[in-house]
């Protein structure tokens, strides 16, 4: 894939992800029926997620910062102002909800990832997925400080480990949330002039700097 195709593909993935998140994402229809007001905490969770996903410890990313990427994402996608996305980030940020997800998340899982055809025990199947996630969480969280109840309060390496729990979750909606947020973050970062050198992109023939 050439550079321009890479940027176009990133933009398309971001648009698809944004539509899903604004339609409720993890919380499905409930996020639209009872939206969560955006808060400083959910914005902090997004900045922490940016830091965990992008390799800011790589010297090639020296010109970028988590705060700058977050500001750019808000300008492009309105993340900090969107109630549905804020609600999704609040669920992601509260660590205890990984082992005991809210009912709205379970309902969204049943709608998007039902049990295989012929299996009449859909709730039991989802419960099995939740149990598998809870077991993975128990192993990882055993080394965490109980005084750090949120993703945004964890050290960077533990944040990255928690993100991987979502990436490899038995629940499809969690994996989809991970992919959605990653696509938005990647599309944002690589839309910034400072990141073009990372992907070897020399910029357009008529050069306009990003705001």
N, C-alpha and C. Protein backbone atom coordinates (compact mmCIF):
# COMPACT_ATOMS: atom_id res chain seq x y z
N UNK A 1 0.84 -1.19 0.00
CA UNK A 1 0.00 0.00 0.00
C UNK A 1 0.88 1.24 0.00
N UNK A 2 0.61 2.20 -0.92
CA UNK A 2 1.42 3.40 -0.95
C UNK A 2 0.93 4.38 0.12
N UNK A 3 1.67 5.49 0.26
CA UNK A 3 1.39 6.41 1.36
C UNK A 3 -0.01 7.01 1.27
N UNK A 4 -0.38 7.46 0.07
CA UNK A 4 -1.68 8.11 -0.08
C UNK A 4 -2.81 7.11 0.19
N UNK A 5 -2.64 5.88 -0.29
CA UNK A 5 -3.66 4.86 -0.04
C UNK A 5 -3.77 4.55 1.45
N UNK A 6 -2.63 4.57 2.13
CA UNK A 6 -2.63 4.33 3.58
C UNK A 6 -3.46 5.39 4.30
N UNK A 7 -3.25 6.64 3.95
CA UNK A 7 -3.99 7.73 4.59
C UNK A 7 -5.48 7.66 4.27
N UNK A 8 -5.81 7.29 3.03
CA UNK A 8 -7.22 7.17 2.65
C UNK A 8 -7.89 6.03 3.40
N UNK A 9 -7.18 4.91 3.52
CA UNK A 9 -7.73 3.76 4.24
C UNK A 9 -7.95 4.09 5.71
N UNK A 10 -7.01 4.83 6.30
CA UNK A 10 -7.14 5.24 7.70
C UNK A 10 -8.36 6.13 7.90
N UNK A 11 -8.59 7.03 6.95
CA UNK A 11 -9.74 7.93 7.05
C UNK A 11 -11.05 7.17 6.96
N UNK A 12 -11.12 6.18 6.06
CA UNK A 12 -12.33 5.38 5.91
C UNK A 12 -12.61 4.57 7.17
N UNK A 13 -11.56 3.96 7.73
CA UNK A 13 -11.73 3.18 8.96
C UNK A 13 -12.19 4.07 10.10
N UNK A 14 -11.66 5.28 10.17
CA UNK A 14 -12.05 6.22 11.22
C UNK A 14 -13.51 6.61 11.09
N UNK A 15 -13.97 6.85 9.86
CA UNK A 15 -15.37 7.23 9.64
C UNK A 15 -16.32 6.11 10.08
N UNK A 16 -15.97 4.87 9.76
CA UNK A 16 -16.78 3.72 10.16
C UNK A 16 -16.81 3.58 11.67
N UNK A 17 -15.65 3.75 12.29
CA UNK A 17 -15.55 3.65 13.76
C UNK A 17 -16.36 4.73 14.45
N UNK A 18 -16.27 5.94 13.92
CA UNK A 18 -16.99 7.06 14.51
C UNK A 18 -18.49 6.85 14.45
N UNK A 19 -18.97 6.32 13.34
CA UNK A 19 -20.41 6.05 13.20
C UNK A 19 -20.86 5.04 14.24
N UNK A 20 -20.09 3.98 14.44
CA UNK A 20 -20.47 2.95 15.42
C UNK A 20 -20.48 3.52 16.84
N UNK A 21 -19.46 4.29 17.19
CA UNK A 21 -19.38 4.87 18.53
C UNK A 21 -20.53 5.83 18.78
N UNK A 22 -20.82 6.68 17.80
CA UNK A 22 -21.91 7.65 17.96
C UNK A 22 -23.28 6.99 17.99
N UNK A 23 -23.35 5.77 17.47
CA UNK A 23 -24.62 5.01 17.50
C UNK A 23 -24.79 4.26 18.81
N UNK A 24 -23.84 4.39 19.70
CA UNK A 24 -23.94 3.73 21.00
C UNK A 24 -22.71 2.93 21.37
N UNK A 25 -22.05 2.34 20.34
CA UNK A 25 -20.84 1.58 20.61
C UNK A 25 -21.04 0.46 21.60
N UNK A 26 -20.24 0.45 22.65
CA UNK A 26 -20.30 -0.59 23.69
C UNK A 26 -21.67 -0.72 24.33
N UNK A 27 -22.38 0.39 24.43
CA UNK A 27 -23.63 0.42 25.19
C UNK A 27 -24.87 0.36 24.31
N UNK A 28 -24.67 0.22 23.01
CA UNK A 28 -25.79 0.05 22.09
C UNK A 28 -26.81 1.16 22.17
N UNK A 29 -28.08 0.80 22.07
CA UNK A 29 -29.17 1.77 22.03
C UNK A 29 -29.28 2.56 23.33
N UNK A 30 -28.83 1.97 24.45
CA UNK A 30 -28.97 2.65 25.73
C UNK A 30 -28.15 3.94 25.76
N UNK A 31 -27.02 3.96 25.07
CA UNK A 31 -26.18 5.16 25.05
C UNK A 31 -26.92 6.33 24.42
N UNK A 32 -27.80 6.04 23.46
CA UNK A 32 -28.58 7.09 22.83
C UNK A 32 -29.79 7.47 23.67
N UNK A 33 -30.39 6.48 24.35
CA UNK A 33 -31.58 6.74 25.16
C UNK A 33 -31.23 7.49 26.45
N UNK A 34 -30.06 7.19 27.02
CA UNK A 34 -29.63 7.83 28.26
C UNK A 34 -28.18 8.26 28.13
N UNK A 35 -27.91 9.28 27.33
CA UNK A 35 -26.53 9.69 27.07
C UNK A 35 -25.81 10.19 28.31
N UNK A 36 -24.50 9.95 28.35
CA UNK A 36 -23.65 10.42 29.43
C UNK A 36 -23.03 11.75 29.04
N UNK A 37 -23.15 12.73 29.91
CA UNK A 37 -22.57 14.03 29.60
C UNK A 37 -21.04 13.91 29.58
N UNK A 38 -20.38 14.51 28.59
CA UNK A 38 -18.92 14.48 28.55
C UNK A 38 -18.33 15.08 29.82
N UNK A 39 -17.27 14.46 30.33
CA UNK A 39 -16.63 14.93 31.56
C UNK A 39 -15.13 15.04 31.35
N UNK A 40 -14.49 15.73 32.30
CA UNK A 40 -13.02 15.83 32.26
C UNK A 40 -12.40 14.45 32.41
N UNK A 41 -13.07 13.56 33.18
CA UNK A 41 -12.54 12.21 33.39
C UNK A 41 -12.50 11.41 32.09
N UNK A 42 -13.59 11.51 31.28
CA UNK A 42 -13.59 10.76 30.02
C UNK A 42 -12.57 11.34 29.05
N UNK A 43 -12.36 12.65 29.08
CA UNK A 43 -11.34 13.25 28.24
C UNK A 43 -9.95 12.80 28.69
N UNK A 44 -9.77 12.69 30.01
CA UNK A 44 -8.49 12.19 30.54
C UNK A 44 -8.25 10.75 30.13
N UNK A 45 -9.32 9.96 30.10
CA UNK A 45 -9.19 8.56 29.67
C UNK A 45 -8.78 8.48 28.21
N UNK A 46 -9.31 9.40 27.38
CA UNK A 46 -8.94 9.39 25.97
C UNK A 46 -7.48 9.76 25.78
N UNK A 47 -7.00 10.77 26.51
CA UNK A 47 -5.59 11.16 26.41
C UNK A 47 -4.69 10.00 26.84
N UNK A 48 -5.08 9.31 27.92
CA UNK A 48 -4.31 8.16 28.38
C UNK A 48 -4.31 7.04 27.34
N UNK A 49 -5.45 6.86 26.67
CA UNK A 49 -5.55 5.83 25.63
C UNK A 49 -4.66 6.18 24.44
N UNK A 50 -4.61 7.45 24.08
CA UNK A 50 -3.71 7.90 23.01
C UNK A 50 -2.27 7.56 23.37
N UNK A 51 -1.90 7.84 24.61
CA UNK A 51 -0.53 7.59 25.07
C UNK A 51 -0.21 6.10 25.06
N UNK A 52 -1.20 5.27 25.39
CA UNK A 52 -0.97 3.83 25.45
C UNK A 52 -0.88 3.20 24.07
N UNK A 53 -1.62 3.74 23.10
CA UNK A 53 -1.66 3.14 21.77
C UNK A 53 -0.51 3.58 20.88
N UNK A 54 -0.17 4.86 20.92
CA UNK A 54 0.90 5.36 20.07
C UNK A 54 2.26 5.23 20.77
N UNK A 55 3.31 4.92 20.02
CA UNK A 55 4.63 4.68 20.63
C UNK A 55 5.41 5.99 20.85
N UNK A 56 4.97 6.77 21.82
CA UNK A 56 5.64 8.04 22.08
C UNK A 56 7.05 7.86 22.61
N UNK A 57 7.39 6.63 23.05
CA UNK A 57 8.75 6.35 23.49
C UNK A 57 9.69 6.12 22.31
N UNK A 58 9.14 6.05 21.09
CA UNK A 58 9.94 5.94 19.87
C UNK A 58 10.44 7.33 19.48
N UNK A 59 11.74 7.51 19.26
CA UNK A 59 12.27 8.83 18.92
C UNK A 59 11.60 9.47 17.71
N UNK A 60 11.06 8.66 16.80
CA UNK A 60 10.42 9.23 15.61
C UNK A 60 9.14 9.99 15.95
N UNK A 61 8.59 9.73 17.14
CA UNK A 61 7.37 10.41 17.57
C UNK A 61 7.67 11.61 18.47
N UNK A 62 8.92 12.03 18.51
CA UNK A 62 9.32 13.11 19.42
C UNK A 62 8.57 14.41 19.16
N UNK A 63 8.16 14.63 17.92
CA UNK A 63 7.48 15.89 17.58
C UNK A 63 6.00 15.88 17.98
N UNK A 64 5.49 14.73 18.40
CA UNK A 64 4.09 14.61 18.79
C UNK A 64 3.97 14.46 20.31
N UNK A 65 2.80 14.79 20.83
CA UNK A 65 2.52 14.57 22.25
C UNK A 65 1.09 14.06 22.38
N UNK A 66 0.78 13.30 23.45
CA UNK A 66 -0.59 12.83 23.64
C UNK A 66 -1.62 13.96 23.66
N UNK A 67 -1.26 15.07 24.30
CA UNK A 67 -2.19 16.20 24.37
C UNK A 67 -2.46 16.78 23.00
N UNK A 68 -1.41 16.88 22.16
CA UNK A 68 -1.58 17.44 20.81
C UNK A 68 -2.45 16.53 19.95
N UNK A 69 -2.25 15.22 20.06
CA UNK A 69 -3.06 14.27 19.30
C UNK A 69 -4.51 14.33 19.77
N UNK A 70 -4.72 14.43 21.08
CA UNK A 70 -6.07 14.52 21.62
C UNK A 70 -6.77 15.78 21.13
N UNK A 71 -6.06 16.89 21.14
CA UNK A 71 -6.64 18.15 20.66
C UNK A 71 -7.02 18.05 19.19
N UNK A 72 -6.17 17.43 18.41
CA UNK A 72 -6.44 17.25 16.98
C UNK A 72 -7.64 16.32 16.77
N UNK A 73 -7.74 15.25 17.57
CA UNK A 73 -8.87 14.33 17.46
C UNK A 73 -10.18 15.03 17.79
N UNK A 74 -10.14 15.91 18.78
CA UNK A 74 -11.35 16.66 19.12
C UNK A 74 -11.75 17.61 18.00
N UNK A 75 -10.75 18.18 17.34
CA UNK A 75 -11.03 19.08 16.22
C UNK A 75 -11.61 18.31 15.04
N UNK A 76 -11.11 17.11 14.79
CA UNK A 76 -11.55 16.31 13.65
C UNK A 76 -12.88 15.60 13.91
N UNK A 77 -13.03 15.02 15.10
CA UNK A 77 -14.14 14.11 15.37
C UNK A 77 -15.06 14.55 16.51
N UNK A 78 -14.72 15.62 17.21
CA UNK A 78 -15.57 16.09 18.31
C UNK A 78 -15.70 15.09 19.44
N UNK A 79 -14.64 14.35 19.74
CA UNK A 79 -14.71 13.29 20.73
C UNK A 79 -15.07 13.81 22.11
N UNK A 80 -14.45 14.92 22.52
CA UNK A 80 -14.69 15.45 23.87
C UNK A 80 -16.10 15.98 24.04
N UNK A 81 -16.79 16.28 22.94
CA UNK A 81 -18.15 16.84 23.03
C UNK A 81 -19.24 15.81 22.82
N UNK A 82 -18.88 14.59 22.45
CA UNK A 82 -19.88 13.58 22.09
C UNK A 82 -20.28 12.75 23.31
N UNK A 83 -21.57 12.78 23.65
CA UNK A 83 -22.05 12.09 24.84
C UNK A 83 -21.91 10.57 24.73
N UNK A 84 -22.18 10.00 23.56
CA UNK A 84 -22.09 8.54 23.39
C UNK A 84 -20.66 8.06 23.53
N UNK A 85 -19.73 8.78 22.92
CA UNK A 85 -18.32 8.40 23.03
C UNK A 85 -17.84 8.57 24.47
N UNK A 86 -18.29 9.63 25.13
CA UNK A 86 -17.94 9.86 26.53
C UNK A 86 -18.40 8.70 27.40
N UNK A 87 -19.61 8.21 27.15
CA UNK A 87 -20.13 7.07 27.91
C UNK A 87 -19.30 5.81 27.69
N UNK A 88 -18.88 5.58 26.45
CA UNK A 88 -18.02 4.44 26.14
C UNK A 88 -16.68 4.55 26.86
N UNK A 89 -16.10 5.73 26.84
CA UNK A 89 -14.81 5.94 27.50
C UNK A 89 -14.93 5.77 29.02
N UNK A 90 -16.07 6.17 29.58
CA UNK A 90 -16.28 6.00 31.03
C UNK A 90 -16.29 4.52 31.41
N UNK A 91 -16.93 3.69 30.59
CA UNK A 91 -16.94 2.24 30.84
C UNK A 91 -15.54 1.67 30.70
N UNK A 92 -14.83 2.09 29.68
CA UNK A 92 -13.45 1.63 29.47
C UNK A 92 -12.55 2.03 30.63
N UNK A 93 -12.73 3.23 31.14
CA UNK A 93 -11.84 3.77 32.17
C UNK A 93 -12.01 3.09 33.52
N UNK A 94 -13.22 2.66 33.84
CA UNK A 94 -13.49 2.06 35.16
C UNK A 94 -13.08 0.58 35.14
N UNK A 95 -11.95 0.29 35.74
CA UNK A 95 -11.35 -1.04 35.63
C UNK A 95 -12.27 -2.17 36.10
N UNK A 96 -12.99 -1.95 37.19
CA UNK A 96 -13.83 -3.01 37.75
C UNK A 96 -14.91 -3.49 36.79
N UNK A 97 -15.29 -2.64 35.83
CA UNK A 97 -16.33 -3.01 34.88
C UNK A 97 -15.85 -4.04 33.86
N UNK A 98 -14.54 -4.28 33.81
CA UNK A 98 -14.07 -5.32 32.88
C UNK A 98 -14.52 -6.69 33.36
N UNK A 99 -14.48 -6.91 34.67
CA UNK A 99 -14.93 -8.21 35.22
C UNK A 99 -16.44 -8.27 35.38
N UNK A 100 -17.07 -7.11 35.57
CA UNK A 100 -18.53 -7.05 35.77
C UNK A 100 -19.12 -5.98 34.86
N UNK A 101 -19.27 -6.28 33.57
CA UNK A 101 -19.73 -5.26 32.62
C UNK A 101 -21.18 -4.86 32.88
N UNK A 102 -21.54 -3.62 32.54
CA UNK A 102 -22.94 -3.18 32.71
C UNK A 102 -23.88 -3.96 31.80
N UNK A 103 -25.14 -3.99 32.19
CA UNK A 103 -26.13 -4.74 31.42
C UNK A 103 -26.26 -4.26 29.98
N UNK A 104 -26.07 -2.96 29.77
CA UNK A 104 -26.18 -2.43 28.41
C UNK A 104 -25.11 -3.02 27.49
N UNK A 105 -23.93 -3.25 28.03
CA UNK A 105 -22.85 -3.86 27.24
C UNK A 105 -23.20 -5.30 26.89
N UNK A 106 -23.74 -6.02 27.86
CA UNK A 106 -24.15 -7.41 27.62
C UNK A 106 -25.23 -7.47 26.54
N UNK A 107 -26.18 -6.54 26.60
CA UNK A 107 -27.24 -6.50 25.60
C UNK A 107 -26.69 -6.20 24.21
N UNK A 108 -25.75 -5.25 24.15
CA UNK A 108 -25.13 -4.93 22.86
C UNK A 108 -24.37 -6.12 22.30
N UNK A 109 -23.75 -6.89 23.19
CA UNK A 109 -23.02 -8.10 22.76
C UNK A 109 -23.99 -9.11 22.14
N UNK A 110 -25.13 -9.30 22.76
CA UNK A 110 -26.12 -10.25 22.25
C UNK A 110 -26.63 -9.86 20.88
N UNK A 111 -26.78 -8.55 20.66
CA UNK A 111 -27.28 -8.06 19.38
C UNK A 111 -26.23 -8.23 18.28
N UNK A 112 -25.01 -7.84 18.57
CA UNK A 112 -23.96 -7.84 17.54
C UNK A 112 -23.25 -9.17 17.39
N UNK A 113 -23.15 -9.92 18.50
CA UNK A 113 -22.40 -11.19 18.47
C UNK A 113 -23.22 -12.28 19.16
N UNK A 114 -24.33 -12.67 18.55
CA UNK A 114 -25.18 -13.70 19.16
C UNK A 114 -24.49 -15.06 19.18
N UNK A 115 -25.09 -15.96 19.93
CA UNK A 115 -24.56 -17.32 19.98
C UNK A 115 -24.65 -17.97 18.61
N UNK A 116 -23.80 -18.95 18.32
CA UNK A 116 -23.86 -19.63 17.02
C UNK A 116 -25.23 -20.21 16.74
N UNK A 117 -25.59 -20.32 15.47
CA UNK A 117 -26.89 -20.87 15.07
C UNK A 117 -27.07 -22.26 15.67
N UNK A 118 -28.26 -22.48 16.25
CA UNK A 118 -28.54 -23.77 16.85
C UNK A 118 -28.31 -23.79 18.35
N UNK A 119 -27.60 -22.78 18.86
CA UNK A 119 -27.36 -22.70 20.30
C UNK A 119 -28.44 -21.80 20.91
N UNK A 120 -29.31 -22.39 21.72
CA UNK A 120 -30.43 -21.65 22.30
C UNK A 120 -30.06 -20.94 23.61
N UNK A 121 -28.87 -21.15 24.09
CA UNK A 121 -28.49 -20.57 25.39
C UNK A 121 -27.64 -19.33 25.19
N UNK A 122 -28.18 -18.35 24.48
CA UNK A 122 -27.43 -17.12 24.21
C UNK A 122 -26.94 -16.43 25.48
N UNK A 123 -27.82 -16.22 26.50
CA UNK A 123 -27.31 -15.57 27.70
C UNK A 123 -26.16 -16.33 28.35
N UNK A 124 -26.28 -17.68 28.40
CA UNK A 124 -25.21 -18.48 28.99
C UNK A 124 -23.92 -18.33 28.18
N UNK A 125 -24.05 -18.23 26.87
CA UNK A 125 -22.88 -18.08 26.03
C UNK A 125 -22.17 -16.76 26.32
N UNK A 126 -22.94 -15.69 26.45
CA UNK A 126 -22.36 -14.40 26.77
C UNK A 126 -21.77 -14.42 28.19
N UNK A 127 -22.44 -15.09 29.09
CA UNK A 127 -21.91 -15.21 30.44
C UNK A 127 -20.57 -15.92 30.44
N UNK A 128 -20.43 -16.93 29.56
CA UNK A 128 -19.15 -17.64 29.46
C UNK A 128 -18.05 -16.71 28.96
N UNK A 129 -18.39 -15.84 28.02
CA UNK A 129 -17.41 -14.87 27.53
C UNK A 129 -17.01 -13.91 28.63
N UNK A 130 -18.01 -13.46 29.41
CA UNK A 130 -17.74 -12.55 30.52
C UNK A 130 -16.84 -13.24 31.55
N UNK A 131 -17.13 -14.51 31.83
CA UNK A 131 -16.33 -15.26 32.80
C UNK A 131 -14.88 -15.39 32.34
N UNK A 132 -14.69 -15.62 31.04
CA UNK A 132 -13.34 -15.74 30.50
C UNK A 132 -12.59 -14.42 30.62
N UNK A 133 -13.29 -13.32 30.35
CA UNK A 133 -12.68 -12.00 30.49
C UNK A 133 -12.34 -11.72 31.95
N UNK A 134 -13.25 -12.09 32.86
CA UNK A 134 -13.03 -11.85 34.28
C UNK A 134 -11.79 -12.60 34.77
N UNK A 135 -11.59 -13.81 34.25
CA UNK A 135 -10.41 -14.59 34.64
C UNK A 135 -9.13 -13.91 34.17
N UNK A 136 -9.13 -13.42 32.93
CA UNK A 136 -7.95 -12.71 32.40
C UNK A 136 -7.68 -11.45 33.21
N UNK A 137 -8.76 -10.75 33.56
CA UNK A 137 -8.62 -9.51 34.33
C UNK A 137 -8.06 -9.80 35.73
N UNK A 138 -8.52 -10.88 36.35
CA UNK A 138 -8.06 -11.23 37.69
C UNK A 138 -6.55 -11.46 37.70
N UNK A 139 -6.04 -12.13 36.68
CA UNK A 139 -4.60 -12.41 36.60
C UNK A 139 -3.82 -11.10 36.46
N UNK A 140 -4.30 -10.22 35.57
CA UNK A 140 -3.58 -8.98 35.32
C UNK A 140 -3.68 -8.01 36.49
N UNK A 141 -4.88 -7.86 37.05
CA UNK A 141 -5.10 -6.85 38.09
C UNK A 141 -4.49 -7.22 39.43
N UNK A 142 -4.03 -8.47 39.58
CA UNK A 142 -3.43 -8.89 40.85
C UNK A 142 -2.20 -8.06 41.19
N UNK A 143 -1.57 -7.50 40.18
CA UNK A 143 -0.34 -6.72 40.42
C UNK A 143 -0.61 -5.21 40.49
N UNK A 144 -1.89 -4.81 40.42
CA UNK A 144 -2.22 -3.39 40.44
C UNK A 144 -2.45 -2.89 41.85
N UNK A 145 -2.24 -1.60 42.04
CA UNK A 145 -2.50 -0.94 43.30
C UNK A 145 -4.00 -0.67 43.40
N UNK A 146 -4.66 -1.15 44.47
CA UNK A 146 -6.11 -0.92 44.60
C UNK A 146 -6.49 0.56 44.61
N UNK A 147 -5.52 1.41 44.90
CA UNK A 147 -5.78 2.85 44.93
C UNK A 147 -5.85 3.44 43.53
N UNK A 148 -5.65 2.60 42.51
CA UNK A 148 -5.71 3.04 41.11
C UNK A 148 -6.90 2.34 40.43
N UNK A 149 -8.12 2.87 40.62
CA UNK A 149 -9.32 2.18 40.13
C UNK A 149 -9.66 2.46 38.67
N UNK A 150 -8.88 3.32 38.03
CA UNK A 150 -9.20 3.68 36.65
C UNK A 150 -8.02 3.42 35.73
N UNK A 151 -8.34 3.23 34.46
CA UNK A 151 -7.30 3.06 33.43
C UNK A 151 -6.35 4.25 33.41
N UNK A 152 -6.91 5.45 33.48
CA UNK A 152 -6.08 6.65 33.37
C UNK A 152 -5.15 6.84 34.56
N UNK A 153 -5.38 6.13 35.67
CA UNK A 153 -4.51 6.25 36.84
C UNK A 153 -3.39 5.21 36.87
N UNK A 154 -3.41 4.26 35.94
CA UNK A 154 -2.40 3.21 35.91
C UNK A 154 -1.08 3.71 35.30
N UNK A 155 0.05 3.08 35.64
CA UNK A 155 1.31 3.37 34.94
C UNK A 155 1.19 2.96 33.47
N UNK A 156 2.03 3.53 32.62
CA UNK A 156 1.92 3.31 31.18
C UNK A 156 1.95 1.84 30.79
N UNK A 157 2.88 1.07 31.32
CA UNK A 157 2.98 -0.34 30.93
C UNK A 157 1.73 -1.12 31.32
N UNK A 158 1.14 -0.78 32.46
CA UNK A 158 -0.10 -1.45 32.87
C UNK A 158 -1.27 -0.99 32.02
N UNK A 159 -1.25 0.27 31.60
CA UNK A 159 -2.28 0.74 30.67
C UNK A 159 -2.23 -0.05 29.38
N UNK A 160 -1.04 -0.26 28.86
CA UNK A 160 -0.90 -1.01 27.61
C UNK A 160 -1.35 -2.46 27.79
N UNK A 161 -1.09 -3.03 28.95
CA UNK A 161 -1.55 -4.40 29.21
C UNK A 161 -3.07 -4.45 29.26
N UNK A 162 -3.68 -3.43 29.88
CA UNK A 162 -5.15 -3.37 29.96
C UNK A 162 -5.75 -3.19 28.57
N UNK A 163 -5.15 -2.36 27.74
CA UNK A 163 -5.62 -2.18 26.37
C UNK A 163 -5.60 -3.51 25.62
N UNK A 164 -4.57 -4.32 25.87
CA UNK A 164 -4.49 -5.62 25.21
C UNK A 164 -5.58 -6.58 25.70
N UNK A 165 -6.04 -6.40 26.94
CA UNK A 165 -7.19 -7.20 27.40
C UNK A 165 -8.39 -6.92 26.52
N UNK A 166 -8.59 -5.66 26.17
CA UNK A 166 -9.70 -5.29 25.30
C UNK A 166 -9.48 -5.82 23.88
N UNK A 167 -8.27 -5.72 23.41
CA UNK A 167 -7.97 -6.18 22.04
C UNK A 167 -8.21 -7.68 21.89
N UNK A 168 -8.01 -8.44 22.98
CA UNK A 168 -8.11 -9.91 22.92
C UNK A 168 -9.32 -10.44 23.68
N UNK A 169 -10.22 -9.54 24.03
CA UNK A 169 -11.39 -9.92 24.82
C UNK A 169 -12.23 -10.99 24.14
N UNK A 170 -12.91 -11.81 24.96
CA UNK A 170 -13.86 -12.79 24.42
C UNK A 170 -15.15 -12.11 23.99
N UNK A 171 -15.38 -10.88 24.45
CA UNK A 171 -16.57 -10.13 24.06
C UNK A 171 -16.28 -9.32 22.80
N UNK A 172 -17.09 -9.54 21.77
CA UNK A 172 -16.87 -8.88 20.50
C UNK A 172 -16.97 -7.37 20.57
N UNK A 173 -17.89 -6.85 21.42
CA UNK A 173 -18.04 -5.39 21.49
C UNK A 173 -16.80 -4.73 22.08
N UNK A 174 -16.12 -5.43 22.97
CA UNK A 174 -14.88 -4.88 23.51
C UNK A 174 -13.79 -4.85 22.44
N UNK A 175 -13.67 -5.91 21.68
CA UNK A 175 -12.67 -5.91 20.60
C UNK A 175 -13.00 -4.81 19.59
N UNK A 176 -14.27 -4.62 19.32
CA UNK A 176 -14.66 -3.59 18.35
C UNK A 176 -14.37 -2.19 18.90
N UNK A 177 -14.60 -1.98 20.19
CA UNK A 177 -14.27 -0.69 20.79
C UNK A 177 -12.77 -0.42 20.66
N UNK A 178 -11.97 -1.42 20.95
CA UNK A 178 -10.51 -1.25 20.81
C UNK A 178 -10.15 -0.86 19.39
N UNK A 179 -10.69 -1.58 18.41
CA UNK A 179 -10.37 -1.28 17.01
C UNK A 179 -10.86 0.11 16.62
N UNK A 180 -12.04 0.49 17.11
CA UNK A 180 -12.61 1.79 16.78
C UNK A 180 -11.75 2.92 17.32
N UNK A 181 -11.39 2.84 18.59
CA UNK A 181 -10.57 3.90 19.18
C UNK A 181 -9.18 3.94 18.56
N UNK A 182 -8.63 2.77 18.26
CA UNK A 182 -7.31 2.76 17.63
C UNK A 182 -7.35 3.40 16.25
N UNK A 183 -8.40 3.13 15.49
CA UNK A 183 -8.48 3.71 14.14
C UNK A 183 -8.62 5.22 14.20
N UNK A 184 -9.40 5.74 15.18
CA UNK A 184 -9.54 7.18 15.32
C UNK A 184 -8.21 7.82 15.72
N UNK A 185 -7.51 7.17 16.64
CA UNK A 185 -6.23 7.71 17.10
C UNK A 185 -5.18 7.67 16.00
N UNK A 186 -5.13 6.57 15.26
CA UNK A 186 -4.14 6.46 14.18
C UNK A 186 -4.45 7.45 13.06
N UNK A 187 -5.73 7.57 12.69
CA UNK A 187 -6.10 8.52 11.64
C UNK A 187 -5.76 9.94 12.06
N UNK A 188 -5.99 10.24 13.34
CA UNK A 188 -5.66 11.58 13.84
C UNK A 188 -4.17 11.84 13.78
N UNK A 189 -3.40 10.92 14.35
CA UNK A 189 -1.94 11.13 14.41
C UNK A 189 -1.33 11.30 13.03
N UNK A 190 -1.74 10.44 12.09
CA UNK A 190 -1.11 10.48 10.77
C UNK A 190 -1.70 11.55 9.87
N UNK A 191 -2.69 12.30 10.38
CA UNK A 191 -3.17 13.47 9.65
C UNK A 191 -2.36 14.71 10.01
N UNK A 192 -1.53 14.57 11.04
CA UNK A 192 -0.74 15.70 11.53
C UNK A 192 0.59 15.79 10.78
N UNK A 193 0.96 16.99 10.40
CA UNK A 193 2.20 17.18 9.65
C UNK A 193 3.40 16.55 10.35
N UNK A 194 3.41 16.63 11.68
CA UNK A 194 4.56 16.14 12.44
C UNK A 194 4.77 14.64 12.32
N UNK A 195 3.72 13.91 11.92
CA UNK A 195 3.82 12.46 11.83
C UNK A 195 4.14 11.96 10.43
N UNK A 196 4.13 12.84 9.45
CA UNK A 196 4.31 12.38 8.08
C UNK A 196 5.66 11.68 7.87
N UNK A 197 6.69 12.15 8.54
CA UNK A 197 8.01 11.53 8.35
C UNK A 197 8.04 10.09 8.86
N UNK A 198 7.16 9.78 9.84
CA UNK A 198 7.12 8.43 10.39
C UNK A 198 6.71 7.41 9.34
N UNK A 199 5.79 7.81 8.43
CA UNK A 199 5.33 6.90 7.39
C UNK A 199 5.97 7.22 6.04
N UNK A 200 6.96 8.09 6.05
CA UNK A 200 7.66 8.40 4.81
C UNK A 200 6.83 9.18 3.82
N UNK A 201 5.91 10.00 4.34
CA UNK A 201 5.04 10.79 3.45
C UNK A 201 5.59 12.20 3.33
N UNK A 202 5.86 12.62 2.12
CA UNK A 202 6.46 13.94 1.90
C UNK A 202 5.44 15.05 1.91
N UNK A 203 4.15 14.70 1.95
CA UNK A 203 3.10 15.71 1.95
C UNK A 203 2.56 15.96 0.56
N UNK A 204 1.45 16.69 0.45
CA UNK A 204 0.85 16.97 -0.86
C UNK A 204 1.72 17.90 -1.68
N UNK A 205 1.48 17.91 -3.00
CA UNK A 205 2.24 18.79 -3.88
C UNK A 205 2.00 20.24 -3.50
N UNK A 206 0.76 20.60 -3.20
CA UNK A 206 0.43 21.91 -2.69
C UNK A 206 0.30 21.76 -1.18
N UNK A 207 1.25 22.26 -0.45
CA UNK A 207 1.36 21.95 0.97
C UNK A 207 0.56 22.92 1.83
N UNK A 208 -0.39 22.36 2.59
CA UNK A 208 -1.15 23.15 3.56
C UNK A 208 -0.93 22.50 4.93
N UNK A 209 -0.46 23.25 5.88
CA UNK A 209 -0.19 22.70 7.20
C UNK A 209 -1.49 22.52 7.98
N UNK A 210 -1.54 21.46 8.77
CA UNK A 210 -2.72 21.22 9.59
C UNK A 210 -2.83 22.27 10.67
N UNK A 211 -4.06 22.65 11.04
CA UNK A 211 -4.23 23.69 12.06
C UNK A 211 -3.75 23.21 13.42
